Protein backbone atom coordinates (compact mmCIF):
# COMPACT_ATOMS: atom_id res chain seq x y z
CA MET A 1 116.12 90.07 70.58
CA GLN A 2 118.79 88.41 68.42
CA LEU A 3 120.12 89.32 64.97
CA THR A 4 120.28 86.33 62.62
CA GLU A 5 121.71 87.90 59.45
CA LEU A 6 123.00 91.04 57.80
CA LEU A 7 121.92 91.81 54.23
CA PHE A 8 123.60 94.53 52.19
CA GLN A 9 123.61 95.79 48.63
CA LYS A 10 125.89 98.46 47.21
CA VAL A 11 127.19 99.54 50.59
CA LYS A 12 130.36 101.58 50.82
CA ASP A 13 133.52 99.53 51.56
CA LEU A 14 131.57 96.23 51.37
CA PRO A 15 131.22 93.79 48.46
CA GLY A 16 128.48 94.74 45.98
CA GLU A 17 125.92 92.37 47.46
CA GLY A 18 126.19 89.95 50.32
CA GLN A 19 124.79 88.28 53.40
CA LEU A 20 126.33 87.50 56.77
CA SER A 21 124.72 84.77 58.89
CA LEU A 22 124.91 85.65 62.56
CA LYS A 23 124.59 83.39 65.58
CA PRO A 24 124.06 83.85 69.32
CA GLY A 25 127.05 84.53 71.54
CA TYR A 26 130.21 86.44 70.70
CA VAL A 27 130.43 87.01 66.93
CA ALA A 28 133.67 88.49 65.53
CA VAL A 29 133.38 90.08 62.09
CA VAL A 30 136.80 90.59 60.54
CA SER A 31 136.47 93.62 58.29
CA LYS A 32 138.15 96.93 57.60
CA ALA A 33 134.85 98.45 56.38
CA ALA A 34 133.88 101.31 58.70
CA SER A 35 130.35 101.12 57.26
CA LEU A 36 129.66 97.72 58.82
CA ARG A 37 128.40 99.20 62.09
CA ALA A 38 126.04 101.58 60.27
CA ALA A 39 124.80 98.70 58.08
CA LEU A 40 123.87 96.74 61.23
CA THR A 41 122.10 99.57 63.04
CA ALA A 42 120.57 101.53 60.14
CA PRO A 43 117.47 99.27 59.82
CA LEU A 44 116.93 99.25 63.60
CA CYS A 45 117.81 102.85 64.48
CA PRO A 46 117.74 105.11 61.41
CA ALA A 47 120.11 108.07 61.69
CA PRO A 48 120.37 111.15 59.46
CA ASP A 49 123.96 110.39 58.48
CA ASP A 50 123.30 106.75 57.48
CA PRO A 51 123.06 107.53 53.72
CA LYS A 52 126.37 109.38 53.85
CA ARG A 53 128.03 106.50 55.66
CA LEU A 54 126.57 103.71 53.53
CA THR A 55 125.93 105.00 50.01
CA ASN A 56 128.72 104.27 47.51
CA GLY A 57 127.15 106.17 44.62
CA GLY A 58 126.75 103.09 42.43
CA GLY A 59 122.97 102.74 42.71
CA PRO A 60 120.34 102.25 45.37
CA THR A 61 121.86 101.21 48.67
CA ARG A 62 119.91 98.66 50.69
CA VAL A 63 120.61 97.10 54.06
CA GLY A 64 118.64 94.73 56.20
CA VAL A 65 118.86 92.53 59.26
CA GLY A 66 117.20 89.28 60.21
CA LEU A 67 116.02 89.11 63.77
CA LEU A 68 114.22 86.91 66.25
CA SER A 69 111.53 88.64 68.33
CA GLY A 70 110.85 87.98 71.97
CA ASP A 71 108.60 85.00 71.16
CA GLY A 72 111.16 83.42 68.78
CA SER A 73 109.45 84.45 65.53
CA ALA A 74 111.73 85.22 62.58
CA TYR A 75 111.54 88.63 60.88
CA ARG A 76 113.50 90.70 58.39
CA LEU A 77 113.81 94.46 58.59
CA LEU A 78 114.91 96.05 55.31
CA ARG A 79 115.81 99.63 54.54
CA GLU A 80 116.66 101.45 51.33
CA MET A 81 118.65 104.64 51.71
CA GLY A 82 116.43 107.59 50.86
CA GLY A 83 113.34 105.41 51.24
CA THR A 84 111.42 103.72 54.02
CA ARG A 85 111.80 100.54 56.01
CA GLN A 86 109.94 97.31 55.38
CA LEU A 87 109.13 94.64 57.98
CA LEU A 88 108.80 91.02 56.79
CA ARG A 89 107.79 87.91 58.75
CA TYR A 90 108.88 84.36 57.96
CA ASP A 91 106.04 82.00 57.07
CA ALA A 92 106.93 78.43 58.04
CA ASN A 93 104.33 77.01 55.62
CA THR A 94 105.52 78.78 52.49
CA LYS A 95 109.11 79.06 53.78
CA LYS A 96 109.16 82.66 52.57
CA PHE A 97 109.20 86.10 54.14
CA GLU A 98 105.92 87.93 53.78
CA GLU A 99 105.41 91.66 54.22
CA VAL A 100 104.02 92.82 57.54
CA SER A 101 104.19 96.60 57.29
CA GLU A 102 105.94 99.57 55.73
CA ASP A 103 104.48 102.00 58.22
CA GLN A 104 107.33 103.46 60.28
CA LEU A 105 105.19 103.89 63.40
CA GLU A 106 104.10 100.27 63.30
CA ILE A 107 107.70 99.13 62.77
CA ASP A 108 108.91 101.22 65.72
CA SER A 109 106.05 99.86 67.81
CA PHE A 110 107.00 96.30 66.81
CA LEU A 111 110.60 96.87 67.87
CA ARG A 112 109.50 98.31 71.22
CA VAL A 113 106.77 95.81 72.05
CA GLU A 114 107.90 92.56 70.44
CA CYS A 115 111.67 93.00 70.67
CA GLY A 116 112.07 95.14 73.78
CA MET A 117 113.98 97.89 71.97
CA PRO A 118 114.32 101.21 73.82
CA ALA A 119 114.34 104.55 72.03
CA PRO A 120 116.92 104.67 69.16
CA ASP A 121 119.20 107.08 71.01
CA ALA A 122 119.05 104.96 74.16
CA TYR A 123 120.03 101.86 72.19
CA THR A 124 122.84 103.38 70.13
CA GLY A 125 124.14 105.35 73.11
CA PHE A 126 124.44 102.29 75.33
CA PHE A 127 124.58 99.07 73.30
CA VAL A 128 126.67 100.42 70.39
CA LEU A 129 130.39 101.10 70.95
CA GLU A 130 131.81 103.42 68.29
CA VAL A 131 135.29 103.38 66.83
CA ASN A 132 136.08 106.52 68.85
CA GLU A 133 134.75 105.04 72.08
CA MET A 134 137.99 105.33 74.07
CA PRO A 135 138.44 108.55 76.07
CA SER A 136 141.80 109.13 74.36
CA LEU A 137 140.03 109.21 70.99
CA ARG A 138 136.77 110.83 72.05
CA GLY A 139 135.93 113.80 69.86
CA LYS A 140 138.57 113.11 67.19
CA ALA A 141 136.45 110.92 65.01
CA ALA A 142 133.41 113.05 65.72
CA ALA A 143 135.27 116.10 64.50
CA ALA A 144 136.08 114.25 61.29
CA ALA A 145 132.54 112.97 60.82
CA ASN A 146 130.73 113.78 57.61
CA GLU A 147 128.31 116.68 57.61
CA ALA A 148 124.72 115.77 58.31
CA TYR A 149 122.53 114.38 55.60
CA VAL A 150 119.08 115.90 55.53
CA ASP A 151 116.47 113.32 54.57
CA GLN A 152 113.77 115.62 53.18
CA PRO A 153 111.03 112.98 52.73
CA ARG A 154 111.60 111.74 56.27
CA VAL A 155 111.66 115.31 57.59
CA LYS A 156 108.26 115.94 55.99
CA ALA A 157 106.88 112.66 57.28
CA LEU A 158 108.15 113.39 60.79
CA LYS A 159 106.70 116.92 60.75
CA ASP A 160 103.35 115.50 59.67
CA GLU A 161 103.62 112.86 62.38
CA LEU A 162 104.52 115.53 64.95
CA GLU A 163 101.49 117.63 64.02
CA MET A 164 99.20 114.60 64.04
CA THR A 165 100.59 113.50 67.38
CA LYS A 166 100.04 116.93 68.90
CA LYS A 167 96.41 116.82 67.76
CA PHE A 168 96.15 113.25 69.00
CA GLU A 169 97.54 114.19 72.41
CA ALA A 170 95.20 117.18 72.56
CA THR A 171 92.32 114.82 71.82
CA GLN A 172 93.57 112.43 74.50
CA ASP A 173 93.90 115.30 76.98
CA ARG A 174 90.34 116.41 76.23
CA LEU A 175 89.13 112.81 76.49
CA PHE A 176 90.84 112.46 79.85
CA LYS A 177 89.27 115.70 81.12
CA VAL A 178 85.83 114.69 79.81
CA ALA A 179 86.15 111.22 81.31
CA GLN A 180 87.32 112.68 84.62
CA ARG A 181 84.47 115.20 84.65
CA LEU A 182 81.96 112.50 83.74
CA HIS A 183 83.38 110.27 86.45
CA ASP A 184 83.07 113.04 89.04
CA LEU A 185 79.48 113.85 88.00
CA LYS A 186 78.49 110.18 88.07
CA LEU A 187 80.01 109.86 91.52
CA LEU A 188 77.96 112.89 92.61
CA ALA A 189 74.83 111.42 91.01
CA GLU A 190 75.50 108.13 92.76
CA LYS A 191 75.97 109.94 96.08
CA LEU A 192 72.66 111.77 95.53
CA LYS A 193 70.93 108.51 94.64
CA VAL A 194 72.35 106.77 97.69
CA ALA A 195 71.35 109.68 99.96
CA GLU A 196 67.79 109.62 98.62
CA ALA A 197 67.62 105.85 99.01
CA ASP A 198 68.94 106.07 102.59
CA LEU A 199 66.35 108.71 103.49
CA ALA A 200 63.54 106.70 101.86
CA ALA A 201 64.65 103.55 103.69
CA VAL A 202 64.71 105.32 107.07
CA GLN A 203 61.35 106.98 106.46
CA GLY A 204 59.88 103.65 105.43
CA GLU A 205 61.22 102.13 108.61
CA LEU A 206 59.61 104.90 110.65
CA LYS A 207 56.29 104.53 108.83
CA ARG A 208 56.16 100.86 109.76
CA ALA A 209 56.06 101.81 113.46
CA PRO A 210 52.40 101.49 114.80
CA TRP A 211 52.69 104.47 117.17
CA SER A 212 52.70 108.19 116.78
CA PRO A 213 55.37 110.28 118.53
CA GLU A 214 52.79 111.34 121.18
CA GLU A 215 51.86 107.72 121.81
CA ILE A 216 55.50 106.76 122.06
CA LYS A 217 56.04 109.51 124.62
CA GLU A 218 53.06 108.30 126.67
CA LEU A 219 54.08 104.64 126.36
CA THR A 220 57.63 105.48 127.33
CA THR A 221 56.32 107.13 130.49
CA LYS A 222 54.13 104.13 131.32
CA ALA A 223 56.86 101.63 130.55
CA SER A 224 59.30 103.59 132.71
CA ARG A 225 56.95 103.49 135.73
CA ALA A 226 55.51 100.01 135.03
CA LYS A 227 57.28 98.47 138.01
CA GLU A 228 56.21 101.32 140.25
CA ASP A 229 52.56 101.05 139.13
CA LEU A 230 52.60 97.29 139.65
CA LYS A 231 54.02 97.75 143.13
CA LYS A 232 51.31 100.31 143.98
CA ARG A 233 48.60 97.93 142.80
CA ASP A 234 50.07 95.03 144.74
CA ASP A 235 50.42 97.19 147.85
CA ALA A 236 46.80 98.33 147.58
CA LEU A 237 45.58 94.75 147.15
CA ALA A 238 47.71 93.61 150.07
CA ASP A 239 46.20 96.36 152.25
CA ILE A 240 42.71 95.20 151.31
CA VAL A 241 43.62 91.64 152.21
CA LYS A 242 44.92 92.79 155.58
CA LYS A 243 41.72 94.75 156.27
CA ARG A 244 39.60 91.77 155.27
CA GLN A 245 41.56 89.53 157.60
CA LYS A 246 41.26 92.04 160.44
CA ALA A 247 37.51 92.42 159.82
CA ALA A 248 37.06 88.67 159.85
CA GLN A 249 38.82 88.46 163.20
CA ALA A 250 36.63 91.26 164.67
CA VAL A 251 33.24 89.79 163.62
CA PRO A 252 31.06 89.07 166.78
CA PRO A 253 29.45 85.69 167.24
CA PRO A 254 25.98 85.38 165.66
CA PRO A 255 23.16 86.66 167.98
CA GLU A 256 21.04 84.12 169.83
CA PRO A 257 17.58 83.82 168.26
CA VAL A 258 14.81 85.49 170.39
CA LEU A 259 12.34 82.69 170.00
CA SER A 260 14.72 80.05 171.24
CA SER A 261 15.97 82.10 174.19
CA PRO A 262 14.75 80.83 177.66
CA TRP A 263 15.10 84.37 178.94
CA PHE A 264 12.54 85.55 176.42
CA TYR A 265 9.96 82.97 177.27
CA GLY A 266 10.74 82.84 181.02
CA GLY A 267 10.53 86.58 181.48
CA LEU A 268 7.46 86.85 179.29
CA LEU A 269 5.62 84.05 181.18
CA SER A 270 6.69 85.48 184.58
CA GLY A 271 5.35 88.92 183.67
CA ILE A 272 2.11 87.49 182.32
CA GLY A 273 1.76 85.33 185.51
CA ALA A 274 2.31 88.36 187.77
CA ASP A 275 -0.23 90.42 185.84
CA ALA A 276 -2.72 87.52 185.98
CA ALA A 277 -2.22 87.17 189.76
CA ALA A 278 -2.74 90.91 190.28
CA PHE A 279 -5.93 90.69 188.25
CA LEU A 280 -7.23 87.71 190.08
CA LEU A 281 -6.26 89.07 193.47
CA LYS A 282 -7.45 92.49 192.45
CA ARG A 283 -4.34 94.05 193.68
CA PRO A 284 -3.06 96.53 191.03
CA PRO A 285 0.23 97.33 192.73
CA LEU A 286 1.15 93.73 192.33
CA ALA A 287 0.89 94.22 188.54
CA LEU A 288 3.77 96.73 188.72
CA PHE A 289 5.99 94.00 190.07
CA GLY A 290 4.92 91.89 187.07
CA LEU A 291 6.68 94.38 184.75
CA VAL A 292 10.11 93.45 186.08
CA PRO A 293 10.19 89.93 184.52
CA LEU A 294 9.29 91.50 181.17
CA LEU A 295 12.72 93.16 181.11
CA ALA A 296 14.30 89.76 180.32
CA PRO A 297 12.54 89.30 176.91
CA LEU A 298 13.21 92.98 176.17
CA ILE A 299 16.92 92.55 176.81
CA SER A 300 16.93 89.38 174.67
CA VAL A 301 15.30 91.26 171.79
CA LEU A 302 17.72 94.19 172.14
CA ARG A 303 20.75 91.86 172.13
CA TRP A 304 19.46 90.15 168.97
CA ILE A 305 18.98 93.52 167.29
CA GLU A 306 22.53 94.54 168.22
CA GLY A 307 24.02 91.31 166.82
CA ASP A 308 21.99 91.59 163.65
CA GLU A 309 23.19 95.17 163.06
CA ALA A 310 26.80 94.09 163.62
CA ASP A 311 26.38 91.34 161.01
CA LYS A 312 24.97 93.77 158.52
CA GLN A 313 27.86 96.19 159.08
CA ALA A 314 30.43 93.40 158.65
CA ALA A 315 28.76 92.27 155.41
CA ALA A 316 28.68 95.84 154.10
CA TYR A 317 32.39 96.34 154.97
CA ALA A 318 33.31 93.08 153.24
CA GLN A 319 31.38 94.16 150.16
CA GLU A 320 33.10 97.52 150.21
CA LEU A 321 36.54 95.85 150.36
CA LYS A 322 35.61 93.58 147.49
CA GLU A 323 34.38 96.48 145.37
CA ARG A 324 37.55 98.42 146.17
CA GLU A 325 39.67 95.44 145.15
CA LEU A 326 37.81 95.07 141.85
CA LYS A 327 38.14 98.81 141.17
CA ILE A 328 41.90 98.72 141.79
CA LYS A 329 42.30 95.79 139.44
CA LYS A 330 40.06 97.35 136.81
CA ASP A 331 41.80 100.72 136.99
CA TYR A 332 45.22 99.04 136.70
CA GLU A 333 44.15 96.93 133.73
CA ALA A 334 42.63 99.97 132.03
CA GLU A 335 45.79 101.98 132.62
CA GLN A 336 48.07 99.19 131.42
CA ALA A 337 45.94 98.22 128.39
CA SER A 338 47.78 100.49 125.97
CA LEU A 339 51.15 99.30 127.32
CA LYS A 340 50.20 95.62 126.88
CA SER A 341 48.94 96.37 123.39
CA ALA A 342 52.28 98.00 122.59
CA LEU A 343 54.13 94.96 123.96
CA ARG A 344 52.13 92.70 121.67
CA ALA A 345 52.68 94.99 118.69
CA ALA A 346 56.41 95.18 119.34
CA LYS A 347 56.56 91.40 119.99
CA VAL A 348 58.44 91.84 123.25
CA ASP A 349 57.81 90.44 126.71
CA SER A 350 58.60 93.25 129.10
CA PRO A 351 58.42 97.05 129.38
CA ALA A 352 62.23 97.15 129.50
CA ASP A 353 62.33 95.47 126.10
CA LEU A 354 59.76 97.96 124.83
CA LEU A 355 61.94 100.82 126.04
CA GLY A 356 64.78 99.23 124.05
CA VAL A 357 62.56 99.26 120.98
CA PHE A 358 61.78 102.93 121.53
CA LYS A 359 65.51 103.71 121.93
CA GLU A 360 66.19 101.97 118.64
CA ARG A 361 63.46 104.07 117.08
CA GLU A 362 65.12 107.18 118.47
CA LEU A 363 68.29 106.07 116.69
CA VAL A 364 66.26 105.64 113.51
CA VAL A 365 64.93 109.18 113.94
CA LYS A 366 68.47 110.45 114.33
CA ARG A 367 69.46 108.50 111.23
CA ARG A 368 66.60 110.12 109.35
CA GLU A 369 67.76 113.55 110.48
CA ALA A 370 71.32 112.76 109.41
CA ALA A 371 70.14 111.36 106.06
CA LEU A 372 67.96 114.41 105.49
CA ALA A 373 70.83 116.76 106.36
CA LYS A 374 73.14 114.86 104.01
CA LEU A 375 70.62 115.01 101.18
CA GLN A 376 69.98 118.71 101.71
CA LYS A 377 73.73 119.36 101.74
CA LEU A 378 74.11 117.54 98.42
CA LYS A 379 71.20 119.41 96.89
CA VAL A 380 72.78 122.72 97.85
CA ASP A 381 75.76 121.85 95.59
CA PRO A 382 75.29 123.72 92.29
CA GLU A 383 76.74 120.74 90.43
CA VAL A 384 73.61 118.73 91.29
CA THR A 385 71.39 121.01 89.23
CA ARG A 386 73.52 120.31 86.14
CA LEU A 387 73.60 116.53 86.44
CA SER A 388 70.62 115.77 84.24
CA VAL A 389 71.86 118.07 81.47
CA GLU A 390 75.64 117.74 81.60
CA ILE A 391 76.01 113.96 81.92
CA PRO A 392 74.28 113.14 78.57
CA LEU A 393 76.32 115.83 76.81
CA LEU A 394 79.59 114.55 78.27
CA GLU A 395 78.75 110.94 77.39
CA THR A 396 78.10 111.98 73.78
CA GLU A 397 81.37 113.95 73.62
CA LYS A 398 83.28 111.07 75.22
CA ALA A 399 81.97 108.62 72.63
CA LYS A 400 83.08 110.94 69.80
CA LEU A 401 86.53 111.44 71.30
CA GLU A 402 86.97 107.71 71.86
CA GLU A 403 86.07 107.11 68.24
CA GLN A 404 88.69 109.66 67.14
CA VAL A 405 91.33 108.05 69.35
CA HIS A 406 90.39 104.60 68.04
CA GLN A 407 90.68 105.78 64.44
CA THR A 408 94.09 107.34 65.09
CA GLY A 409 95.35 104.12 66.64
CA PHE A 410 98.54 104.93 68.52
CA SER A 411 101.32 107.49 68.46
CA ARG A 412 104.84 107.85 69.68
CA ALA A 413 105.93 110.24 72.38
CA LEU A 414 106.43 113.82 71.24
CA GLY A 415 109.98 113.86 72.54
CA GLU A 416 110.85 110.78 70.53
CA ILE A 417 109.39 112.27 67.33
CA GLU A 418 111.17 115.58 67.91
CA LEU A 419 114.43 113.71 68.46
CA ASP A 420 113.99 111.79 65.19
CA LEU A 421 113.13 115.06 63.46
CA LYS A 422 116.37 116.60 64.72
CA HIS A 423 118.23 113.58 63.40
CA ALA A 424 116.53 113.85 60.02
CA MET A 425 117.30 117.56 59.86
CA GLY A 426 120.95 116.93 60.58
CA ILE A 427 120.91 117.86 64.27
CA SER A 428 122.67 114.72 65.48
CA ALA A 429 122.29 113.54 69.03
CA THR A 430 125.97 112.63 69.06
CA LYS A 431 126.74 116.33 68.94
CA ALA A 432 124.81 116.80 72.13
CA GLY A 433 126.56 113.75 73.56
CA ALA A 434 129.94 115.29 72.75
CA ALA A 435 129.04 118.19 74.97
CA ILE A 436 129.16 115.97 78.06
CA PRO A 437 132.36 116.72 80.01
CA GLU A 438 134.80 113.85 80.02
CA ALA A 439 134.68 113.62 83.81
CA GLU A 440 130.92 113.00 83.68
CA VAL A 441 130.99 110.28 81.00
CA PRO A 442 131.10 107.31 83.46
CA SER A 443 128.27 108.71 85.60
CA HIS A 444 126.30 109.47 82.40
CA LEU A 445 126.67 105.84 81.31
CA VAL A 446 125.53 104.62 84.73
CA SER A 447 122.50 106.91 84.52
CA ARG A 448 121.60 105.48 81.11
CA GLY A 449 121.94 101.96 82.42
CA ALA A 450 119.78 102.78 85.43
CA GLU A 451 117.06 104.14 83.11
CA LEU A 452 117.12 100.95 81.05
CA LEU A 453 116.81 98.82 84.20
CA ASN A 454 114.26 101.09 85.92
CA LEU A 455 116.58 101.40 88.90
CA SER A 456 118.07 104.30 90.78
CA VAL A 457 121.70 105.22 90.11
CA ASP A 458 122.69 104.21 93.64
CA GLU A 459 121.07 100.79 93.23
CA LEU A 460 122.91 100.18 89.95
CA TRP A 461 126.24 101.26 91.44
CA ALA A 462 125.70 98.79 94.27
CA GLN A 463 124.90 95.98 91.82
CA ILE A 464 127.84 96.49 89.46
CA SER A 465 130.50 97.18 92.11
CA PRO A 466 131.72 93.56 92.48
CA ARG A 467 131.99 93.02 88.70
CA LEU A 468 133.51 96.47 88.17
CA THR A 469 136.20 95.59 90.68
CA ALA A 470 136.91 92.34 88.84
CA TYR A 471 137.18 94.11 85.46
CA LEU A 472 139.39 96.86 86.92
CA VAL A 473 141.78 94.41 88.55
CA ALA A 474 142.07 92.31 85.38
CA LEU A 475 142.42 95.15 82.86
CA THR A 476 144.71 97.46 84.87
CA ASP A 477 146.93 94.69 86.30
CA ARG A 478 145.83 95.73 89.82
CA ARG A 479 146.91 99.33 89.36
CA VAL A 480 143.25 100.18 90.04
CA VAL A 481 141.34 97.84 92.34
CA SER A 482 138.00 99.56 92.93
CA GLY A 483 135.77 102.41 91.86
CA LYS A 484 132.81 104.18 93.36
CA PRO A 485 130.91 107.48 92.98
CA ASP A 486 131.63 110.45 95.19
CA ASP A 487 129.02 112.82 96.66
CA LYS A 488 128.59 114.49 93.26
CA GLY A 489 128.31 111.20 91.38
CA MET A 490 131.80 111.47 89.84
CA LEU A 491 133.85 108.27 89.58
CA VAL A 492 136.58 107.93 92.21
CA LEU A 493 139.14 105.13 91.86
CA ALA A 494 141.39 103.44 94.39
CA ALA A 495 144.79 101.80 93.94
CA ALA A 496 146.02 98.69 95.69
CA ASP A 497 148.11 100.77 98.13
CA GLY A 498 145.04 102.72 99.29
CA ARG A 499 145.60 105.87 97.29
CA SER A 500 142.56 107.26 95.52
CA GLY A 501 141.82 109.83 92.88
CA SER A 502 139.23 110.99 90.41
CA TYR A 503 138.70 109.52 86.99
CA MET A 504 140.23 112.54 85.27
CA THR A 505 143.49 112.33 87.25
CA LEU A 506 144.45 109.08 85.52
CA PRO A 507 146.88 109.11 82.58
CA PRO A 508 145.09 108.58 79.21
CA PRO A 509 146.15 104.91 78.66
CA LEU A 510 145.02 103.92 82.17
CA ARG A 511 141.85 105.99 81.79
CA ASP A 512 141.02 104.04 78.61
CA LEU A 513 141.28 100.76 80.52
CA VAL A 514 139.15 102.07 83.40
CA TYR A 515 136.56 103.27 80.89
CA VAL A 516 136.49 99.79 79.28
CA ALA A 517 135.97 98.22 82.73
CA VAL A 518 133.03 100.53 83.47
CA ARG A 519 131.54 99.94 80.00
CA LEU A 520 131.82 96.16 80.24
CA ALA A 521 130.43 96.01 83.81
CA LEU A 522 127.41 98.03 82.73
CA LEU A 523 126.89 96.01 79.54
CA GLU A 524 127.06 92.77 81.50
CA ARG A 525 124.44 93.95 84.01
CA VAL A 526 122.02 95.58 81.55
CA SER A 527 122.30 92.89 78.84
CA GLY A 528 121.30 90.28 81.41
CA TYR A 529 117.96 92.09 81.65
CA LYS A 530 117.41 93.60 78.21
CA ARG A 531 119.15 90.91 76.07
CA LEU A 532 119.64 93.20 73.09
CA PRO A 533 122.51 92.81 70.58
CA ILE A 534 125.70 94.65 71.49
CA VAL A 535 127.44 96.14 68.44
CA ILE A 536 131.13 97.08 68.77
CA ASP A 537 132.85 98.95 65.94
CA ASP A 538 136.56 98.22 66.58
CA ALA A 539 136.27 100.29 69.75
CA PHE A 540 139.39 98.78 71.38
CA GLY A 541 141.85 99.15 68.49
CA VAL A 542 143.85 101.76 70.37
CA LEU A 543 144.72 99.26 73.13
CA GLU A 544 147.62 96.84 73.16
CA GLY A 545 147.22 93.34 71.73
CA PRO A 546 147.16 91.47 75.07
CA LYS A 547 144.51 93.82 76.38
CA ARG A 548 142.43 93.38 73.24
CA ALA A 549 142.69 89.60 73.64
CA LEU A 550 141.62 89.87 77.31
CA ILE A 551 138.67 92.08 76.35
CA GLY A 552 137.71 89.49 73.73
CA LYS A 553 137.47 86.85 76.45
CA MET A 554 135.40 89.21 78.57
CA LEU A 555 133.07 89.83 75.62
CA LYS A 556 132.70 86.08 75.16
CA GLY A 557 131.52 85.90 78.78
CA ILE A 558 128.97 88.65 78.14
CA GLY A 559 127.97 86.71 74.98
CA THR A 560 126.54 83.99 77.20
CA GLN A 561 123.81 86.47 78.16
CA THR A 562 123.20 88.27 74.88
CA GLN A 563 124.53 88.54 71.33
CA VAL A 564 127.77 90.51 70.88
CA ILE A 565 128.78 91.54 67.33
CA HIS A 566 132.34 92.90 67.22
CA ARG A 567 133.99 94.32 64.10
CA LEU A 568 137.74 93.72 64.13
CA PRO A 569 140.36 94.59 61.53
CA ASP A 570 142.28 91.42 62.40
CA PRO A 571 141.11 87.93 63.39
CA PRO A 572 140.80 87.37 67.15
CA PRO A 573 142.92 84.74 68.92
CA PRO A 574 141.67 81.19 68.26
CA GLY A 575 138.91 80.05 70.59
CA THR A 576 137.96 83.56 71.65
CA ALA A 577 134.86 84.11 69.51
CA ASP A 578 131.90 81.75 69.11
CA LEU A 579 131.76 82.67 65.41
CA VAL A 580 134.27 84.43 63.15
CA LEU A 581 133.05 86.00 59.88
CA GLN A 582 134.82 87.79 57.04
CA ALA A 583 133.29 90.85 55.39
C-alpha cells in the first residue's frame, strides 16, 4: 500500500485547508505541527484521542488520505472528527472519486484484504514512530498526553458490533457443531451402506455357485483322491490285461475231431472185425479180444471231450475278464461323473484347479462372515437407529444457520472489536504499551515483527543480525558492533574489544542509538514483506545533527522498499529525501 496524498481541513497547527501530494520513497515533510502524524494515521487507524489532537475548535475537522491498493487502484479514505469514515474509489472514466462505502466494517475489511493492513494497534505500534520514540524520552510525552476523548457514537456502534459479533460467532459455533455432527452421521450412514453392499455382493457371489456346501464337501473329497482313484482303476485294468495274457498263453491246442481221427476209425473197424470173426468162427471168447481195439475210438472221444471242455472254460474266463473290465470302467465313470460335471461347471481342466476354486469359495465364505460381523457391529451402534431421523433435522438446521451467516456477512475478531472499544472509551493501548519494561522493549519489537512476518522470534533474529550489525557499527561509531538475544530473549550487545553487556547497561545517548539501529533493522526487514507506509513523527530530534543526517540516508535506503513519510522541523540535507514538502 502507498499513500498518494494527505487532505486536511481545520486541523490544529495546520493551515485551514490543504493538500499534500505524496510520492513513493523517502518523503520528508518539513513542519512543526505535531498534529501531522495524527492527520496521516487517523483515517487508517482511528484512535480515541484523534479529535483532541486534531480539532482546532473552528468548525468540523476533516482529514483524509489518498492511497493505492495492492492492485494499483486509487482510493481516498476520508474521516470527519466525531463522525464516520468514507471510502471513495477513483473512476478513470469520469475522472472523479465515487463513494464505495461508509460502513466501518467494510472499510476495515478493505484495508486488511486489499491493502494488507494488520490490526490498527499492530500498524501504529510498529510502522509509526512517535515523537517520544527514543528511550531517553519514553514516557515523558506520554505523561503529558491529553486525556482520552470518549467518542460516544463510536462506543455505541462498537458495543452493538460486539454484541452482534458474539451472536454471529455463537451461530458459527453452532453451525460448525451441526456440520460436524452431520458429517459424522453421514460417514456412519455411508459405512452402513458400504457394509450392506459388501455383504450383498458376497452373498450374490456365493449364490452364483452351482453347488451346495454338502456337494462341495463331497466334490472336495473326490477331487482330493482323484489321482488315487485313477491309479486304482488303471491298476485293476492292468491286472485284467495280465490275466488275459496269461490265460491266452495257457489255452490248450484245439482237440482233434473224432470223425477225422484214424484211431477212431481203426479201432472201431478192428473191434467190429474181431466181433465178426468170432461170430463167423462161433468162438465167443474171441469176441472178448475184439473189445480191446474199441478202446482206441473211446480214448479219441474222451480226448475230444476234454479239449472241448477246456475251450469252453477258456471262453468263459475271457468273458468274465471282459465283464470285470467293463464293470471297473463303468463304476469309475459313474463315480467320477459328478466330479467331471463340476469341472465343466467351474470351467477348469483338472481336479487341482477345482480345489483352487473351492479354496477361493472358502475365502468368499470368510469374507461373508467378516462382512456380516462388520454389519452387525455397525447395527449395534445406537447412532445407527437415529440416522433416518436426525440427518434430515440436522440438514434443515444447517440450512437455516447458513442463511443466517450469509445474511450477517462477515465480522471482525472479538479481540479486535474489544480493543477498538477500549480505544473509543479512552482506554488507550499506548498506556498498556508504556507498562512494558524498558529492558524488554527491543525483544517486544522483535516479537511484533515476527508476528507480522509469520516467523518465530529466533528466525527473525537470525535474519536481521547482519543488518543490525551494520546499523550498530554505523550509528555508534563502532562502540557497539553486534547484538543478540540472551537465554531470556533480552538484548545483549558487544563492543569491538569483546566486552559485552545488556541493553540497559548502556548510557542513555548510546542506548538511543542502539534502539534506532534495532528499529531500522526491523523496519527494513518487515517493510520488504509488508510494504506499508512508515510514518515517523520527528522521532530522532533528540539526536545530534550528524546522526540525524545519517539516519536520513538510512531511511532513504528503506524507502527503496516501501514509502517512508518523515516529519522534520528543519529541512533535511540536500539529496537525502526523494521528496521534500512544507506543511
